[in-house]
Amino acid sequence: MAAKKKAVTAKAPVKKKTAAAKKTVKKAAPKKTTASKKAAATGKTATRKAPVKKAAVKKAPARKKAPGSSSQIGPVPGIAPYQEKKGEEYMNAKQVEHFRNILLSWKRSLMEEVDRTVHHMQDDAANFPDPNDRATQESEFSMELRARDRERKLIKKIDESMRHLDNEEFGYCEQCGVEIGVKRLEARPTATLCIDCKILDEIKERQMG
């Protein structure tokens, strides 16, 4: 018998790993932040809150004062308050002239307002057919007449103050005779009582009422 020949099995060629295959670079997974870890544990996605921007607050521009408004104290515009000097005599010639100008200017403006109201009522007076329109007009006229009546009474007080100026009695309290004061007279030129007597007079009126 022929000798058995050993079967030679051909081995499959082994593929050599290339250097590129050996050196496979594994990219590191991004590390989870504490916020993402908490979100993963709770099952909620972590959302970053956008920073809240504060709205810029613009300052309103300062209003400009009208000419003469900063020096206006009494009822008459355009007349600056009297500047007292140290050791100055009360109700001297300059002070008397100052308050005379205030009273005259005040009376003049009130008289002009009264005349304006009379002309306004004469021009606008009409016989409206609608009773509602007539009622509205009568109500407006009634309000104007009441205002003018108060101004007429005020004009009488101004005339009385002018007589006190002529008699050298202006600026002194009618009850106690003390000085009323330049500042009080600037605010109310027709004042006839000092501040203390005026307060007591108002208390008596409230008690009697």
N, C-alpha and C. Protein backbone atom coordinates (compact mmCIF):
# COMPACT_ATOMS: atom_id res chain seq x y z
N MET A 1 0.87 -1.18 0.00
CA MET A 1 0.00 0.00 0.00
C MET A 1 0.89 1.21 0.00
N ALA A 2 0.34 2.01 -0.76
CA ALA A 2 1.14 3.25 -0.83
C ALA A 2 1.07 3.99 0.50
N ALA A 3 2.16 4.52 0.82
CA ALA A 3 2.20 5.27 2.12
C ALA A 3 1.25 6.44 2.09
N LYS A 4 0.62 6.45 3.26
CA LYS A 4 -0.39 7.53 3.33
C LYS A 4 0.31 8.86 3.40
N LYS A 5 -0.13 9.61 2.54
CA LYS A 5 0.40 10.97 2.50
C LYS A 5 -0.38 11.85 3.45
N LYS A 6 0.40 12.47 4.25
CA LYS A 6 -0.26 13.38 5.17
C LYS A 6 -0.86 14.56 4.41
N ALA A 7 -2.12 14.67 4.71
CA ALA A 7 -2.83 15.76 4.04
C ALA A 7 -2.33 17.08 4.57
N VAL A 8 -1.87 17.78 3.63
CA VAL A 8 -1.37 19.09 3.99
C VAL A 8 -2.51 20.09 3.89
N THR A 9 -2.90 20.61 5.04
CA THR A 9 -4.01 21.59 5.06
C THR A 9 -3.43 22.98 4.92
N ALA A 10 -3.93 23.62 3.96
CA ALA A 10 -3.43 25.01 3.72
C ALA A 10 -4.05 25.95 4.73
N LYS A 11 -3.22 26.61 5.46
CA LYS A 11 -3.70 27.59 6.45
C LYS A 11 -4.10 28.88 5.77
N ALA A 12 -5.20 29.41 6.25
CA ALA A 12 -5.70 30.68 5.69
C ALA A 12 -4.73 31.80 6.01
N PRO A 13 -4.49 32.60 5.05
CA PRO A 13 -3.53 33.70 5.30
C PRO A 13 -4.04 34.65 6.39
N VAL A 14 -3.18 34.83 7.37
CA VAL A 14 -3.55 35.70 8.49
C VAL A 14 -3.32 37.15 8.07
N LYS A 15 -4.37 37.86 8.24
CA LYS A 15 -4.28 39.27 7.89
C LYS A 15 -3.58 40.03 8.99
N LYS A 16 -2.59 40.70 8.62
CA LYS A 16 -1.86 41.50 9.57
C LYS A 16 -2.60 42.82 9.83
N LYS A 17 -2.66 43.08 11.10
CA LYS A 17 -3.35 44.31 11.48
C LYS A 17 -2.47 45.49 11.13
N THR A 18 -3.08 46.41 10.48
CA THR A 18 -2.36 47.62 10.11
C THR A 18 -2.13 48.49 11.33
N ALA A 19 -1.14 49.34 11.17
CA ALA A 19 -0.83 50.24 12.29
C ALA A 19 -1.98 51.17 12.61
N ALA A 20 -2.74 51.52 11.55
CA ALA A 20 -3.88 52.41 11.77
C ALA A 20 -4.96 51.73 12.56
N ALA A 21 -5.13 50.40 12.31
CA ALA A 21 -6.17 49.67 13.03
C ALA A 21 -5.79 49.47 14.46
N LYS A 22 -4.46 49.23 14.69
CA LYS A 22 -4.01 49.04 16.06
C LYS A 22 -4.18 50.32 16.87
N LYS A 23 -3.85 51.38 16.20
CA LYS A 23 -3.89 52.65 16.93
C LYS A 23 -5.25 53.32 16.74
N THR A 24 -6.23 52.68 17.23
CA THR A 24 -7.58 53.28 17.19
C THR A 24 -7.73 54.21 18.37
N VAL A 25 -7.98 55.44 18.05
CA VAL A 25 -8.09 56.45 19.10
C VAL A 25 -9.52 56.50 19.58
N LYS A 26 -9.64 56.16 20.82
CA LYS A 26 -10.96 56.23 21.43
C LYS A 26 -11.15 57.61 22.04
N LYS A 27 -12.16 58.23 21.52
CA LYS A 27 -12.47 59.55 22.04
C LYS A 27 -13.15 59.43 23.40
N ALA A 28 -12.66 60.24 24.30
CA ALA A 28 -13.23 60.22 25.65
C ALA A 28 -14.62 60.87 25.65
N ALA A 29 -15.52 60.21 26.29
CA ALA A 29 -16.88 60.73 26.38
C ALA A 29 -16.88 61.98 27.24
N PRO A 30 -17.67 62.97 26.87
CA PRO A 30 -17.69 64.21 27.65
C PRO A 30 -18.17 63.96 29.07
N LYS A 31 -17.46 64.58 29.99
CA LYS A 31 -17.82 64.42 31.39
C LYS A 31 -19.14 65.12 31.68
N LYS A 32 -19.92 64.45 32.45
CA LYS A 32 -21.21 65.03 32.82
C LYS A 32 -21.03 66.01 33.97
N THR A 33 -21.65 67.18 33.80
CA THR A 33 -21.60 68.18 34.87
C THR A 33 -22.56 67.79 35.99
N THR A 34 -22.43 68.47 37.08
CA THR A 34 -23.31 68.17 38.23
C THR A 34 -24.77 68.43 37.88
N ALA A 35 -24.99 69.47 37.07
CA ALA A 35 -26.37 69.78 36.68
C ALA A 35 -26.96 68.69 35.82
N SER A 36 -26.11 68.15 34.88
CA SER A 36 -26.61 67.09 33.99
C SER A 36 -26.80 65.79 34.73
N LYS A 37 -25.92 65.54 35.78
CA LYS A 37 -26.08 64.33 36.59
C LYS A 37 -27.39 64.38 37.36
N LYS A 38 -27.69 65.57 37.93
CA LYS A 38 -28.95 65.70 38.66
C LYS A 38 -30.14 65.56 37.73
N ALA A 39 -29.98 66.12 36.52
CA ALA A 39 -31.08 66.02 35.55
C ALA A 39 -31.30 64.59 35.13
N ALA A 40 -30.16 63.80 34.97
CA ALA A 40 -30.29 62.40 34.58
C ALA A 40 -30.94 61.60 35.68
N ALA A 41 -30.65 61.94 36.94
CA ALA A 41 -31.25 61.20 38.06
C ALA A 41 -32.74 61.47 38.17
N THR A 42 -33.12 62.72 37.93
CA THR A 42 -34.55 63.06 38.03
C THR A 42 -35.30 62.83 36.73
N GLY A 43 -34.58 62.58 35.64
CA GLY A 43 -35.24 62.35 34.36
C GLY A 43 -35.62 63.60 33.63
N LYS A 44 -35.10 64.76 34.11
CA LYS A 44 -35.41 66.03 33.47
C LYS A 44 -34.16 66.55 32.79
N THR A 45 -34.38 67.22 31.71
CA THR A 45 -33.26 67.81 30.99
C THR A 45 -32.84 69.09 31.67
N ALA A 46 -31.54 69.23 31.80
CA ALA A 46 -31.01 70.42 32.46
C ALA A 46 -31.07 71.60 31.52
N THR A 47 -31.72 72.67 31.99
CA THR A 47 -31.82 73.88 31.16
C THR A 47 -31.17 75.02 31.91
N ARG A 48 -30.36 75.72 31.21
CA ARG A 48 -29.67 76.86 31.81
C ARG A 48 -30.56 78.09 31.74
N LYS A 49 -30.69 78.78 32.85
CA LYS A 49 -31.49 80.00 32.88
C LYS A 49 -30.69 81.15 32.31
N ALA A 50 -31.33 81.83 31.38
CA ALA A 50 -30.66 82.97 30.78
C ALA A 50 -30.60 84.10 31.80
N PRO A 51 -29.49 84.82 31.86
CA PRO A 51 -29.38 85.93 32.83
C PRO A 51 -30.39 87.01 32.53
N VAL A 52 -31.06 87.45 33.58
CA VAL A 52 -32.10 88.47 33.43
C VAL A 52 -31.43 89.84 33.32
N LYS A 53 -31.74 90.49 32.24
CA LYS A 53 -31.16 91.82 32.03
C LYS A 53 -32.06 92.86 32.66
N LYS A 54 -31.45 93.69 33.48
CA LYS A 54 -32.21 94.77 34.11
C LYS A 54 -32.42 95.92 33.12
N ALA A 55 -33.66 96.33 33.05
CA ALA A 55 -33.97 97.43 32.13
C ALA A 55 -33.37 98.72 32.66
N ALA A 56 -32.76 99.43 31.78
CA ALA A 56 -32.14 100.70 32.18
C ALA A 56 -33.22 101.73 32.45
N VAL A 57 -33.20 102.26 33.63
CA VAL A 57 -34.20 103.26 34.02
C VAL A 57 -33.67 104.64 33.66
N LYS A 58 -34.41 105.28 32.79
CA LYS A 58 -34.01 106.62 32.37
C LYS A 58 -34.61 107.66 33.31
N LYS A 59 -33.77 108.51 33.78
CA LYS A 59 -34.23 109.58 34.66
C LYS A 59 -34.92 110.66 33.84
N ALA A 60 -36.07 111.07 34.35
CA ALA A 60 -36.81 112.13 33.66
C ALA A 60 -36.04 113.44 33.76
N PRO A 61 -35.99 114.16 32.67
CA PRO A 61 -35.25 115.44 32.71
C PRO A 61 -35.93 116.42 33.65
N ALA A 62 -35.13 117.14 34.37
CA ALA A 62 -35.66 118.13 35.32
C ALA A 62 -36.40 119.23 34.58
N ARG A 63 -37.56 119.55 35.09
CA ARG A 63 -38.36 120.60 34.45
C ARG A 63 -37.76 121.96 34.73
N LYS A 64 -37.73 122.73 33.70
CA LYS A 64 -37.21 124.08 33.87
C LYS A 64 -38.28 124.97 34.45
N LYS A 65 -37.90 125.74 35.44
CA LYS A 65 -38.85 126.64 36.07
C LYS A 65 -39.08 127.86 35.19
N ALA A 66 -40.31 128.27 35.20
CA ALA A 66 -40.65 129.46 34.41
C ALA A 66 -39.99 130.67 35.02
N PRO A 67 -39.69 131.67 34.20
CA PRO A 67 -39.04 132.86 34.74
C PRO A 67 -39.87 133.51 35.82
N GLY A 68 -39.26 133.76 36.96
CA GLY A 68 -39.96 134.40 38.07
C GLY A 68 -40.69 133.46 38.99
N SER A 69 -40.80 132.12 38.58
CA SER A 69 -41.52 131.18 39.41
C SER A 69 -40.74 130.82 40.66
N SER A 70 -39.41 130.81 40.58
CA SER A 70 -38.62 130.45 41.75
C SER A 70 -38.70 131.52 42.83
N SER A 71 -38.95 132.75 42.44
CA SER A 71 -39.01 133.83 43.41
C SER A 71 -40.44 134.20 43.76
N GLN A 72 -41.40 133.45 43.25
CA GLN A 72 -42.80 133.78 43.49
C GLN A 72 -43.25 133.19 44.82
N ILE A 73 -43.81 134.02 45.70
CA ILE A 73 -44.34 133.55 46.98
C ILE A 73 -45.80 133.95 47.10
N GLY A 74 -46.08 135.23 46.90
CA GLY A 74 -47.43 135.73 47.09
C GLY A 74 -48.32 135.46 45.89
N PRO A 75 -49.50 136.10 45.88
CA PRO A 75 -50.48 135.84 44.82
C PRO A 75 -50.19 136.55 43.51
N VAL A 76 -49.24 137.45 43.49
CA VAL A 76 -48.96 138.25 42.29
C VAL A 76 -47.69 137.72 41.62
N PRO A 77 -47.78 137.22 40.39
CA PRO A 77 -46.57 136.75 39.71
C PRO A 77 -45.72 137.91 39.22
N GLY A 78 -44.42 137.66 39.14
CA GLY A 78 -43.51 138.66 38.60
C GLY A 78 -42.93 139.63 39.62
N ILE A 79 -43.40 139.56 40.86
CA ILE A 79 -42.87 140.44 41.91
C ILE A 79 -42.04 139.58 42.86
N ALA A 80 -40.76 139.86 42.91
CA ALA A 80 -39.85 139.09 43.77
C ALA A 80 -40.11 139.41 45.23
N PRO A 81 -39.92 138.45 46.12
CA PRO A 81 -40.12 138.73 47.55
C PRO A 81 -39.12 139.73 48.08
N TYR A 82 -39.54 140.42 49.10
CA TYR A 82 -38.69 141.46 49.69
C TYR A 82 -37.54 140.81 50.47
N GLN A 83 -36.34 141.29 50.24
CA GLN A 83 -35.16 140.78 50.93
C GLN A 83 -34.86 141.69 52.13
N GLU A 84 -35.13 141.14 53.31
CA GLU A 84 -34.89 141.92 54.52
C GLU A 84 -33.39 142.02 54.82
N LYS A 85 -32.99 143.15 55.32
CA LYS A 85 -31.61 143.36 55.73
C LYS A 85 -31.52 143.31 57.25
N LYS A 86 -30.37 142.89 57.74
CA LYS A 86 -30.17 142.77 59.17
C LYS A 86 -30.26 144.14 59.85
N GLY A 87 -31.08 144.20 60.88
CA GLY A 87 -31.25 145.46 61.61
C GLY A 87 -32.16 146.45 60.92
N GLU A 88 -32.86 146.01 59.87
CA GLU A 88 -33.74 146.92 59.13
C GLU A 88 -35.02 147.19 59.92
N GLU A 89 -35.49 148.42 59.85
CA GLU A 89 -36.70 148.79 60.57
C GLU A 89 -37.91 148.15 59.90
N TYR A 90 -38.82 147.63 60.73
CA TYR A 90 -40.02 146.98 60.22
C TYR A 90 -40.97 148.03 59.64
N MET A 91 -41.51 147.73 58.46
CA MET A 91 -42.44 148.59 57.73
C MET A 91 -41.84 149.96 57.46
N ASN A 92 -40.63 149.94 56.95
CA ASN A 92 -40.02 151.20 56.51
C ASN A 92 -40.58 151.58 55.15
N ALA A 93 -40.05 152.64 54.57
CA ALA A 93 -40.59 153.16 53.31
C ALA A 93 -40.47 152.14 52.18
N LYS A 94 -39.37 151.39 52.14
CA LYS A 94 -39.19 150.40 51.06
C LYS A 94 -40.19 149.26 51.19
N GLN A 95 -40.41 148.81 52.42
CA GLN A 95 -41.37 147.72 52.62
C GLN A 95 -42.79 148.17 52.31
N VAL A 96 -43.12 149.38 52.72
CA VAL A 96 -44.46 149.90 52.42
C VAL A 96 -44.68 150.00 50.92
N GLU A 97 -43.67 150.49 50.20
CA GLU A 97 -43.79 150.60 48.74
C GLU A 97 -43.89 149.23 48.09
N HIS A 98 -43.14 148.27 48.62
CA HIS A 98 -43.18 146.90 48.08
C HIS A 98 -44.57 146.30 48.20
N PHE A 99 -45.17 146.39 49.38
CA PHE A 99 -46.49 145.81 49.58
C PHE A 99 -47.58 146.62 48.88
N ARG A 100 -47.36 147.89 48.69
CA ARG A 100 -48.31 148.68 47.91
C ARG A 100 -48.35 148.19 46.46
N ASN A 101 -47.17 147.91 45.90
CA ASN A 101 -47.12 147.39 44.54
C ASN A 101 -47.79 146.03 44.43
N ILE A 102 -47.61 145.21 45.44
CA ILE A 102 -48.26 143.89 45.43
C ILE A 102 -49.77 144.03 45.45
N LEU A 103 -50.28 144.87 46.34
CA LEU A 103 -51.73 145.04 46.46
C LEU A 103 -52.33 145.64 45.20
N LEU A 104 -51.67 146.63 44.62
CA LEU A 104 -52.19 147.25 43.40
C LEU A 104 -52.20 146.27 42.23
N SER A 105 -51.11 145.51 42.08
CA SER A 105 -51.04 144.53 40.99
C SER A 105 -52.08 143.43 41.17
N TRP A 106 -52.27 143.01 42.40
CA TRP A 106 -53.25 141.95 42.69
C TRP A 106 -54.67 142.44 42.39
N LYS A 107 -54.97 143.66 42.81
CA LYS A 107 -56.30 144.21 42.55
C LYS A 107 -56.54 144.38 41.05
N ARG A 108 -55.51 144.81 40.33
CA ARG A 108 -55.65 145.00 38.89
C ARG A 108 -55.96 143.67 38.18
N SER A 109 -55.26 142.61 38.58
CA SER A 109 -55.50 141.31 37.94
C SER A 109 -56.89 140.77 38.27
N LEU A 110 -57.36 141.01 39.48
CA LEU A 110 -58.70 140.56 39.84
C LEU A 110 -59.78 141.33 39.08
N MET A 111 -59.58 142.63 38.92
CA MET A 111 -60.53 143.43 38.16
C MET A 111 -60.59 142.98 36.70
N GLU A 112 -59.46 142.66 36.13
CA GLU A 112 -59.43 142.17 34.75
C GLU A 112 -60.16 140.85 34.62
N GLU A 113 -60.02 140.00 35.63
CA GLU A 113 -60.71 138.72 35.60
C GLU A 113 -62.22 138.90 35.71
N VAL A 114 -62.65 139.84 36.55
CA VAL A 114 -64.09 140.10 36.67
C VAL A 114 -64.65 140.62 35.35
N ASP A 115 -63.95 141.54 34.72
CA ASP A 115 -64.40 142.08 33.43
C ASP A 115 -64.43 140.99 32.36
N ARG A 116 -63.44 140.12 32.39
CA ARG A 116 -63.41 139.04 31.39
C ARG A 116 -64.61 138.11 31.56
N THR A 117 -64.99 137.83 32.80
CA THR A 117 -66.14 136.96 33.06
C THR A 117 -67.44 137.61 32.57
N VAL A 118 -67.59 138.90 32.81
CA VAL A 118 -68.81 139.59 32.37
C VAL A 118 -68.94 139.56 30.86
N HIS A 119 -67.84 139.84 30.16
CA HIS A 119 -67.88 139.81 28.69
C HIS A 119 -68.12 138.40 28.17
N HIS A 120 -67.54 137.43 28.85
CA HIS A 120 -67.72 136.03 28.43
C HIS A 120 -69.17 135.61 28.56
N MET A 121 -69.81 135.99 29.66
CA MET A 121 -71.21 135.62 29.85
C MET A 121 -72.11 136.35 28.87
N GLN A 122 -71.79 137.59 28.53
CA GLN A 122 -72.61 138.32 27.55
C GLN A 122 -72.47 137.72 26.15
N ASP A 123 -71.28 137.31 25.79
CA ASP A 123 -71.05 136.75 24.45
C ASP A 123 -71.63 135.35 24.29
N ASP A 124 -71.52 134.54 25.36
CA ASP A 124 -71.94 133.14 25.26
C ASP A 124 -73.38 132.92 25.66
N ALA A 125 -74.03 133.97 26.16
CA ALA A 125 -75.43 133.79 26.57
C ALA A 125 -76.28 133.48 25.35
N ALA A 126 -77.00 132.37 25.41
CA ALA A 126 -77.86 131.97 24.29
C ALA A 126 -79.03 131.17 24.85
N ASN A 127 -80.12 131.21 24.13
CA ASN A 127 -81.32 130.47 24.54
C ASN A 127 -81.31 129.13 23.81
N PHE A 128 -80.73 128.12 24.45
CA PHE A 128 -80.65 126.81 23.82
C PHE A 128 -82.00 126.12 23.86
N PRO A 129 -82.42 125.49 22.75
CA PRO A 129 -83.71 124.78 22.76
C PRO A 129 -83.66 123.53 23.62
N ASP A 130 -82.51 122.91 23.70
CA ASP A 130 -82.38 121.68 24.49
C ASP A 130 -82.28 122.04 25.97
N PRO A 131 -83.13 121.49 26.82
CA PRO A 131 -83.06 121.83 28.26
C PRO A 131 -81.75 121.38 28.91
N ASN A 132 -81.15 120.29 28.41
CA ASN A 132 -79.87 119.84 28.97
C ASN A 132 -78.76 120.86 28.71
N ASP A 133 -78.76 121.42 27.50
CA ASP A 133 -77.76 122.44 27.17
C ASP A 133 -77.95 123.69 28.01
N ARG A 134 -79.21 124.07 28.23
CA ARG A 134 -79.49 125.25 29.05
C ARG A 134 -79.03 125.01 30.49
N ALA A 135 -79.28 123.81 31.01
CA ALA A 135 -78.86 123.49 32.38
C ALA A 135 -77.34 123.52 32.51
N THR A 136 -76.64 123.02 31.51
CA THR A 136 -75.18 123.03 31.54
C THR A 136 -74.63 124.44 31.54
N GLN A 137 -75.23 125.29 30.68
CA GLN A 137 -74.77 126.67 30.61
C GLN A 137 -75.06 127.42 31.91
N GLU A 138 -76.23 127.21 32.49
CA GLU A 138 -76.56 127.88 33.74
C GLU A 138 -75.64 127.42 34.87
N SER A 139 -75.27 126.14 34.86
CA SER A 139 -74.36 125.64 35.89
C SER A 139 -72.97 126.28 35.77
N GLU A 140 -72.49 126.41 34.54
CA GLU A 140 -71.19 127.04 34.32
C GLU A 140 -71.21 128.51 34.74
N PHE A 141 -72.28 129.22 34.37
CA PHE A 141 -72.40 130.63 34.75
C PHE A 141 -72.49 130.78 36.26
N SER A 142 -73.18 129.87 36.92
CA SER A 142 -73.32 129.94 38.37
C SER A 142 -71.97 129.77 39.06
N MET A 143 -71.16 128.84 38.56
CA MET A 143 -69.83 128.63 39.14
C MET A 143 -68.94 129.85 38.94
N GLU A 144 -69.01 130.44 37.77
CA GLU A 144 -68.21 131.64 37.50
C GLU A 144 -68.65 132.81 38.36
N LEU A 145 -69.94 132.95 38.56
CA LEU A 145 -70.44 134.06 39.38
C LEU A 145 -70.02 133.91 40.84
N ARG A 146 -70.02 132.65 41.33
CA ARG A 146 -69.56 132.43 42.71
C ARG A 146 -68.08 132.77 42.85
N ALA A 147 -67.30 132.38 41.83
CA ALA A 147 -65.87 132.70 41.87
C ALA A 147 -65.64 134.21 41.82
N ARG A 148 -66.40 134.90 40.97
CA ARG A 148 -66.25 136.35 40.89
C ARG A 148 -66.72 137.04 42.16
N ASP A 149 -67.72 136.46 42.83
CA ASP A 149 -68.19 137.04 44.09
C ASP A 149 -67.10 136.96 45.16
N ARG A 150 -66.38 135.84 45.19
CA ARG A 150 -65.26 135.72 46.13
C ARG A 150 -64.17 136.73 45.80
N GLU A 151 -63.96 136.95 44.51
CA GLU A 151 -62.92 137.92 44.11
C GLU A 151 -63.33 139.34 44.46
N ARG A 152 -64.62 139.66 44.37
CA ARG A 152 -65.07 141.00 44.76
C ARG A 152 -64.84 141.23 46.26
N LYS A 153 -65.11 140.20 47.06
CA LYS A 153 -64.84 140.32 48.50
C LYS A 153 -63.35 140.49 48.76
N LEU A 154 -62.56 139.81 47.96
CA LEU A 154 -61.11 139.94 48.12
C LEU A 154 -60.64 141.33 47.72
N ILE A 155 -61.27 141.91 46.73
CA ILE A 155 -60.92 143.28 46.33
C ILE A 155 -61.22 144.26 47.46
N LYS A 156 -62.31 144.02 48.18
CA LYS A 156 -62.63 144.88 49.33
C LYS A 156 -61.54 144.76 50.40
N LYS A 157 -61.04 143.55 50.62
CA LYS A 157 -59.96 143.36 51.61
C LYS A 157 -58.68 144.07 51.15
N ILE A 158 -58.44 144.05 49.85
CA ILE A 158 -57.26 144.74 49.32
C ILE A 158 -57.38 146.24 49.54
N ASP A 159 -58.58 146.79 49.28
CA ASP A 159 -58.80 148.22 49.52
C ASP A 159 -58.61 148.56 51.00
N GLU A 160 -59.05 147.67 51.88
CA GLU A 160 -58.87 147.90 53.31
C GLU A 160 -57.39 147.88 53.69
N SER A 161 -56.64 146.96 53.08
CA SER A 161 -55.20 146.90 53.35
C SER A 161 -54.49 148.16 52.83
N MET A 162 -54.97 148.68 51.70
CA MET A 162 -54.40 149.92 51.19
C MET A 162 -54.63 151.08 52.16
N ARG A 163 -55.81 151.10 52.80
CA ARG A 163 -56.09 152.16 53.79
C ARG A 163 -55.18 151.99 55.01
N HIS A 164 -54.91 150.74 55.40
CA HIS A 164 -53.98 150.51 56.51
C HIS A 164 -52.58 150.99 56.16
N LEU A 165 -52.19 150.83 54.90
CA LEU A 165 -50.88 151.35 54.47
C LEU A 165 -50.82 152.86 54.61
N ASP A 166 -51.90 153.51 54.20
CA ASP A 166 -51.92 154.98 54.28
C ASP A 166 -51.92 155.46 55.73
N ASN A 167 -52.55 154.68 56.62
CA ASN A 167 -52.65 155.07 58.03
C ASN A 167 -51.49 154.52 58.88
N GLU A 168 -50.53 153.90 58.22
CA GLU A 168 -49.37 153.31 58.91
C GLU A 168 -49.79 152.23 59.91
N GLU A 169 -50.85 151.49 59.58
CA GLU A 169 -51.32 150.39 60.42
C GLU A 169 -51.12 149.04 59.76
N PHE A 170 -50.60 149.05 58.57
CA PHE A 170 -50.41 147.81 57.82
C PHE A 170 -49.26 147.00 58.43
N GLY A 171 -49.47 145.67 58.52
CA GLY A 171 -48.41 144.79 59.01
C GLY A 171 -48.44 144.52 60.49
N TYR A 172 -49.48 145.01 61.19
CA TYR A 172 -49.57 144.80 62.64
C TYR A 172 -50.88 144.07 62.96
N CYS A 173 -50.82 143.18 63.92
CA CYS A 173 -51.99 142.37 64.27
C CYS A 173 -53.08 143.24 64.89
N GLU A 174 -54.31 143.03 64.48
CA GLU A 174 -55.43 143.81 64.98
C GLU A 174 -55.80 143.45 66.41
N GLN A 175 -55.45 142.26 66.87
CA GLN A 175 -55.85 141.81 68.20
C GLN A 175 -54.77 142.10 69.26
N CYS A 176 -53.53 141.72 68.95
CA CYS A 176 -52.48 141.88 69.97
C CYS A 176 -51.50 143.00 69.63
N GLY A 177 -51.51 143.50 68.39
CA GLY A 177 -50.67 144.62 68.01
C GLY A 177 -49.23 144.28 67.68
N VAL A 178 -48.86 142.99 67.68
CA VAL A 178 -47.48 142.62 67.34
C VAL A 178 -47.30 142.62 65.82
N GLU A 179 -46.04 142.52 65.40
CA GLU A 179 -45.75 142.51 63.97
C GLU A 179 -46.22 141.19 63.34
N ILE A 180 -46.90 141.29 62.22
CA ILE A 180 -47.35 140.10 61.51
C ILE A 180 -46.18 139.39 60.85
N GLY A 181 -45.22 140.15 60.34
CA GLY A 181 -44.04 139.56 59.72
C GLY A 181 -44.06 139.70 58.21
N VAL A 182 -42.90 139.98 57.64
CA VAL A 182 -42.80 140.20 56.20
C VAL A 182 -43.13 138.92 55.43
N LYS A 183 -42.65 137.78 55.90
CA LYS A 183 -42.87 136.52 55.17
C LYS A 183 -44.34 136.15 55.13
N ARG A 184 -45.04 136.34 56.24
CA ARG A 184 -46.48 136.05 56.25
C ARG A 184 -47.23 137.01 55.33
N LEU A 185 -46.83 138.26 55.33
CA LEU A 185 -47.49 139.23 54.45
C LEU A 185 -47.17 138.97 52.98
N GLU A 186 -46.00 138.40 52.70
CA GLU A 186 -45.69 138.03 51.31
C GLU A 186 -46.65 136.96 50.81
N ALA A 187 -46.93 135.98 51.68
CA ALA A 187 -47.84 134.90 51.29
C ALA A 187 -49.30 135.35 51.28
N ARG A 188 -49.67 136.23 52.20
CA ARG A 188 -51.06 136.73 52.29
C ARG A 188 -51.02 138.21 52.61
N PRO A 189 -50.99 139.05 51.59
CA PRO A 189 -50.86 140.50 51.83
C PRO A 189 -52.02 141.12 52.58
N THR A 190 -53.19 140.46 52.59
CA THR A 190 -54.36 141.03 53.27
C THR A 190 -54.49 140.53 54.70
N ALA A 191 -53.46 139.85 55.22
CA ALA A 191 -53.54 139.31 56.58
C ALA A 191 -53.62 140.44 57.60
N THR A 192 -54.52 140.28 58.57
CA THR A 192 -54.69 141.28 59.62
C THR A 192 -54.38 140.72 61.01
N LEU A 193 -54.07 139.42 61.09
CA LEU A 193 -53.77 138.77 62.36
C LEU A 193 -52.39 138.11 62.26
N CYS A 194 -51.67 138.08 63.36
CA CYS A 194 -50.42 137.34 63.41
C CYS A 194 -50.74 135.85 63.43
N ILE A 195 -49.74 135.04 63.27
CA ILE A 195 -49.98 133.60 63.14
C ILE A 195 -50.57 133.01 64.42
N ASP A 196 -50.14 133.50 65.59
CA ASP A 196 -50.67 132.96 66.85
C ASP A 196 -52.15 133.31 67.03
N CYS A 197 -52.49 134.56 66.79
CA CYS A 197 -53.89 134.97 66.93
C CYS A 197 -54.78 134.28 65.89
N LYS A 198 -54.22 134.04 64.70
CA LYS A 198 -54.98 133.36 63.65
C LYS A 198 -55.28 131.92 64.05
N ILE A 199 -54.32 131.24 64.66
CA ILE A 199 -54.54 129.86 65.10
C ILE A 199 -55.59 129.81 66.21
N LEU A 200 -55.50 130.74 67.16
CA LEU A 200 -56.48 130.78 68.23
C LEU A 200 -57.88 131.10 67.70
N ASP A 201 -57.95 131.97 66.71
CA ASP A 201 -59.24 132.32 66.11
C ASP A 201 -59.86 131.12 65.41
N GLU A 202 -59.03 130.32 64.71
CA GLU A 202 -59.55 129.12 64.04
C GLU A 202 -60.01 128.07 65.04
N ILE A 203 -59.30 127.96 66.18
CA ILE A 203 -59.70 126.98 67.22
C ILE A 203 -61.05 127.38 67.80
N LYS A 204 -61.27 128.66 68.03
CA LYS A 204 -62.55 129.14 68.58
C LYS A 204 -63.69 128.89 67.58
N GLU A 205 -63.41 129.08 66.30
CA GLU A 205 -64.44 128.85 65.29
C GLU A 205 -64.83 127.37 65.25
N ARG A 206 -63.84 126.47 65.35
CA ARG A 206 -64.16 125.03 65.35
C ARG A 206 -64.96 124.64 66.59
N GLN A 207 -64.62 125.21 67.74
CA GLN A 207 -65.35 124.89 68.96
C GLN A 207 -66.78 125.41 68.91
N MET A 208 -66.97 126.58 68.35
CA MET A 208 -68.33 127.14 68.25
C MET A 208 -69.14 126.39 67.20
N GLY A 209 -68.45 125.90 66.16
CA GLY A 209 -69.17 125.18 65.11
C GLY A 209 -69.58 123.79 65.57
